[in-house]
Amino acid sequence: MKRDSRLYDLVQILRDGKLHTAEELAGRLGVSTRTVWRDMAMMAATGLPVTGERGLGYILRAPLMLPPTVLTPDELDALATGLRHLEANDPARARAAKSLLYKISTLLPQANLPREEE
């Protein structure tokens, strides 16, 4: 798992407002506890409101709102694949699927979707 994806997943887990031990987080992410310690230290150093105490766990001190357009590469791929499938196989929804693909490519340039205008 790439570090960016792992950090995103860590934030998503911590958004529940509960304490999570490094061991628990490591198990959920498939990494070592040492990796979790490094990731959490890096997140705290960048200003995310995360705190941790040995033996207790990590928690977000304040609610963290992520923009709804933050999608993982796999989520973007799944969304684009589904929309392309609709465009090709459902004439009633083809125009809407094509329009939505265009909007996604405009709003999320990191998706690297072809930008075909309507």
Protein backbone atom coordinates (compact mmCIF):
# COMPACT_ATOMS: atom_id res chain seq x y z
CA MET A 1 0.00 0.00 0.00
CA LYS A 2 1.39 3.40 -0.97
CA ARG A 3 1.99 5.90 1.80
CA ASP A 4 -0.54 8.44 0.46
CA SER A 5 -3.29 5.82 0.42
CA ARG A 6 -2.29 4.60 3.87
CA LEU A 7 -2.38 8.12 5.32
CA TYR A 8 -5.78 8.71 3.76
CA ASP A 9 -7.02 5.43 5.28
CA LEU A 10 -5.59 6.40 8.69
CA VAL A 11 -7.48 9.68 8.62
CA GLN A 12 -10.68 7.90 7.62
CA ILE A 13 -10.32 5.44 10.51
CA LEU A 14 -9.57 8.20 13.04
CA ARG A 15 -12.55 10.30 11.95
CA ASP A 16 -14.80 8.10 14.12
CA GLY A 17 -13.57 10.00 17.21
CA LYS A 18 -12.48 6.86 19.07
CA LEU A 19 -9.08 5.82 20.39
CA HIS A 20 -7.18 3.42 18.15
CA THR A 21 -3.98 1.67 19.18
CA ALA A 22 -1.03 1.49 16.82
CA GLU A 23 -1.36 -2.29 16.87
CA GLU A 24 -5.02 -2.10 15.80
CA LEU A 25 -4.25 0.42 13.06
CA ALA A 26 -1.32 -1.64 11.83
CA GLY A 27 -3.51 -4.72 11.62
CA ARG A 28 -6.21 -2.92 9.67
CA LEU A 29 -3.70 -1.44 7.23
CA GLY A 30 -1.44 -4.46 6.91
CA VAL A 31 1.72 -2.66 8.06
CA SER A 32 3.97 -2.75 11.13
CA THR A 33 3.27 -0.75 14.27
CA ARG A 34 6.53 1.08 13.60
CA THR A 35 5.11 2.26 10.27
CA VAL A 36 1.99 3.52 12.05
CA TRP A 37 4.13 5.39 14.57
CA ARG A 38 6.06 7.10 11.76
CA ASP A 39 2.88 7.92 9.84
CA MET A 40 1.17 9.36 12.91
CA ALA A 41 4.23 11.47 13.76
CA MET A 42 4.32 12.80 10.22
CA MET A 43 0.58 13.61 10.27
CA ALA A 44 0.95 15.46 13.59
CA ALA A 45 3.97 17.37 12.25
CA THR A 46 1.96 18.54 9.24
CA GLY A 47 -0.72 20.04 11.45
CA LEU A 48 -3.43 17.39 11.53
CA PRO A 49 -5.13 17.47 14.94
CA VAL A 50 -3.99 13.97 15.90
CA THR A 51 -2.61 13.01 19.30
CA GLY A 52 -1.40 9.76 20.73
CA GLU A 53 -0.22 8.40 24.01
CA ARG A 54 1.68 5.19 24.55
CA GLY A 55 -0.64 2.48 25.79
CA LEU A 56 -3.81 4.45 25.04
CA GLY A 57 -3.86 5.01 21.31
CA TYR A 58 -4.38 7.72 18.73
CA ILE A 59 -7.32 10.06 18.30
CA LEU A 60 -8.25 13.15 16.32
CA ARG A 61 -8.56 16.07 18.74
CA ALA A 62 -10.97 17.91 16.46
CA PRO A 63 -13.32 16.82 13.72
CA LEU A 64 -11.64 16.71 10.36
CA MET A 65 -13.70 17.39 7.30
CA LEU A 66 -12.34 16.13 4.02
CA PRO A 67 -13.70 17.54 0.79
CA PRO A 68 -16.21 15.14 -0.72
CA THR A 69 -14.21 15.12 -3.96
CA VAL A 70 -11.21 13.42 -2.36
CA LEU A 71 -11.26 9.98 -3.91
CA THR A 72 -8.66 7.26 -3.95
CA PRO A 73 -7.26 6.18 -7.33
CA ASP A 74 -9.19 2.91 -7.04
CA GLU A 75 -12.43 4.78 -6.32
CA LEU A 76 -11.87 7.04 -9.33
CA ASP A 77 -11.19 4.03 -11.53
CA ALA A 78 -14.31 2.23 -10.30
CA LEU A 79 -16.45 5.32 -10.86
CA ALA A 80 -15.09 5.93 -14.36
CA THR A 81 -15.46 2.25 -15.29
CA GLY A 82 -19.06 2.20 -14.12
CA LEU A 83 -19.91 5.39 -15.99
CA ARG A 84 -18.26 4.14 -19.18
CA HIS A 85 -20.23 0.91 -18.87
CA LEU A 86 -23.46 2.90 -18.55
CA GLU A 87 -22.52 5.09 -21.48
CA ALA A 88 -21.88 2.05 -23.69
CA ASN A 89 -24.75 -0.18 -22.54
CA ASP A 90 -27.65 1.97 -21.39
CA PRO A 91 -28.88 4.36 -24.07
CA ALA A 92 -31.28 6.04 -21.64
CA ARG A 93 -28.40 7.01 -19.33
CA ALA A 94 -25.57 7.35 -21.85
CA ARG A 95 -25.75 11.14 -22.10
CA ALA A 96 -25.85 11.56 -18.31
CA ALA A 97 -22.92 9.17 -17.85
CA LYS A 98 -20.85 11.01 -20.45
CA SER A 99 -21.68 14.36 -18.86
CA LEU A 100 -20.72 13.11 -15.42
CA LEU A 101 -17.42 11.71 -16.72
CA TYR A 102 -16.66 15.15 -18.16
CA LYS A 103 -17.49 16.85 -14.84
CA ILE A 104 -15.29 14.43 -12.91
CA SER A 105 -12.38 14.98 -15.29
CA THR A 106 -12.79 18.74 -14.86
CA LEU A 107 -13.12 18.72 -11.07
CA LEU A 108 -10.55 16.00 -10.45
CA PRO A 109 -7.70 16.41 -12.92
CA GLN A 110 -5.69 13.82 -10.97
CA ALA A 111 -8.16 11.24 -12.29
CA ASN A 112 -6.47 11.55 -15.72
CA LEU A 113 -9.76 10.92 -17.47
CA PRO A 114 -10.03 11.96 -21.11
CA ARG A 115 -11.84 15.29 -21.32
CA GLU A 116 -14.30 14.84 -24.15
CA GLU A 117 -16.76 17.66 -24.27
CA GLU A 118 -20.42 16.98 -24.84
